[in-house]
Amino acid sequence: MARTQDAAAEERRLAAEERRVAAEERKVALEERKAEESSSEDEDEDEDEDEE
């Protein structure tokens, strides 16, 4: 019985770790998108200045 409980506890621990990793990956992806958007906005501003 103890082994079954240990295995279940280990599965819960692994599932929690997977959720933490997935959350971190989403956070990094969001930061990368924000950086790309601000980078493309800077390029748009440069193009506007060239047109003037």
C-alpha atoms as a PDB file:
ATOM      1  CA  MET A   1       0.000   0.000   0.000  1.00  0.00           C
ATOM      2  CA  ALA A   2       2.783   2.420   0.869  1.00  0.00           C
ATOM      3  CA  ARG A   3       4.358   1.915  -2.554  1.00  0.00           C
ATOM      4  CA  THR A   4       1.076   2.789  -4.229  1.00  0.00           C
ATOM      5  CA  GLN A   5       0.848   5.964  -2.163  1.00  0.00           C
ATOM      6  CA  ASP A   6       4.483   6.796  -2.915  1.00  0.00           C
ATOM      7  CA  ALA A   7       3.880   6.281  -6.621  1.00  0.00           C
ATOM      8  CA  ALA A   8       0.779   8.470  -6.530  1.00  0.00           C
ATOM      9  CA  ALA A   9       2.668  11.174  -4.632  1.00  0.00           C
ATOM     10  CA  GLU A  10       5.493  11.013  -7.182  1.00  0.00           C
ATOM     11  CA  GLU A  11       2.996  11.317 -10.054  1.00  0.00           C
ATOM     12  CA  ARG A  12       1.451  14.384  -8.408  1.00  0.00           C
ATOM     13  CA  ARG A  13       4.895  15.894  -7.890  1.00  0.00           C
ATOM     14  CA  LEU A  14       5.824  15.297 -11.522  1.00  0.00           C
ATOM     15  CA  ALA A  15       2.517  16.746 -12.735  1.00  0.00           C
ATOM     16  CA  ALA A  16       3.087  19.853 -10.607  1.00  0.00           C
ATOM     17  CA  GLU A  17       6.604  20.218 -12.019  1.00  0.00           C
ATOM     18  CA  GLU A  18       5.243  19.889 -15.575  1.00  0.00           C
ATOM     19  CA  ARG A  19       2.712  22.650 -14.847  1.00  0.00           C
ATOM     20  CA  ARG A  20       5.474  24.909 -13.489  1.00  0.00           C
ATOM     21  CA  VAL A  21       7.619  24.296 -16.570  1.00  0.00           C
ATOM     22  CA  ALA A  22       4.679  24.959 -18.904  1.00  0.00           C
ATOM     23  CA  ALA A  23       3.876  28.184 -17.059  1.00  0.00           C
ATOM     24  CA  GLU A  24       7.497  29.307 -17.343  1.00  0.00           C
ATOM     25  CA  GLU A  25       7.505  28.513 -21.074  1.00  0.00           C
ATOM     26  CA  ARG A  26       4.341  30.568 -21.568  1.00  0.00           C
ATOM     27  CA  LYS A  27       5.897  33.451 -19.624  1.00  0.00           C
ATOM     28  CA  VAL A  28       9.048  33.358 -21.758  1.00  0.00           C
ATOM     29  CA  ALA A  29       7.014  33.171 -24.977  1.00  0.00           C
ATOM     30  CA  LEU A  30       4.930  36.162 -23.883  1.00  0.00           C
ATOM     31  CA  GLU A  31       8.070  38.163 -23.079  1.00  0.00           C
ATOM     32  CA  GLU A  32       9.527  37.278 -26.490  1.00  0.00           C
ATOM     33  CA  ARG A  33       6.330  38.405 -28.244  1.00  0.00           C
ATOM     34  CA  LYS A  34       6.368  41.686 -26.327  1.00  0.00           C
ATOM     35  CA  ALA A  35      10.005  42.228 -27.286  1.00  0.00           C
ATOM     36  CA  GLU A  36       9.244  41.491 -30.953  1.00  0.00           C
ATOM     37  CA  GLU A  37       6.259  43.839 -30.921  1.00  0.00           C
ATOM     38  CA  SER A  38       8.239  46.684 -29.387  1.00  0.00           C
ATOM     39  CA  SER A  39      11.041  45.987 -31.865  1.00  0.00           C
ATOM     40  CA  SER A  40       8.652  46.129 -34.822  1.00  0.00           C
ATOM     41  CA  GLU A  41       7.105  49.329 -33.462  1.00  0.00           C
ATOM     42  CA  ASP A  42      10.575  50.886 -33.379  1.00  0.00           C
ATOM     43  CA  GLU A  43      11.064  49.876 -37.021  1.00  0.00           C
ATOM     44  CA  ASP A  44       7.695  51.410 -37.944  1.00  0.00           C
ATOM     45  CA  GLU A  45       8.720  54.689 -36.310  1.00  0.00           C
ATOM     46  CA  ASP A  46      11.985  54.664 -38.276  1.00  0.00           C
ATOM     47  CA  GLU A  47      10.055  54.174 -41.516  1.00  0.00           C
ATOM     48  CA  ASP A  48       7.720  57.069 -40.652  1.00  0.00           C
ATOM     49  CA  GLU A  49      10.712  59.336 -40.110  1.00  0.00           C
ATOM     50  CA  ASP A  50      12.149  58.340 -43.494  1.00  0.00           C
ATOM     51  CA  GLU A  51       8.919  59.331 -45.247  1.00  0.00           C
ATOM     52  CA  GLU A  52       8.954  62.865 -43.840  1.00  0.00           C
END
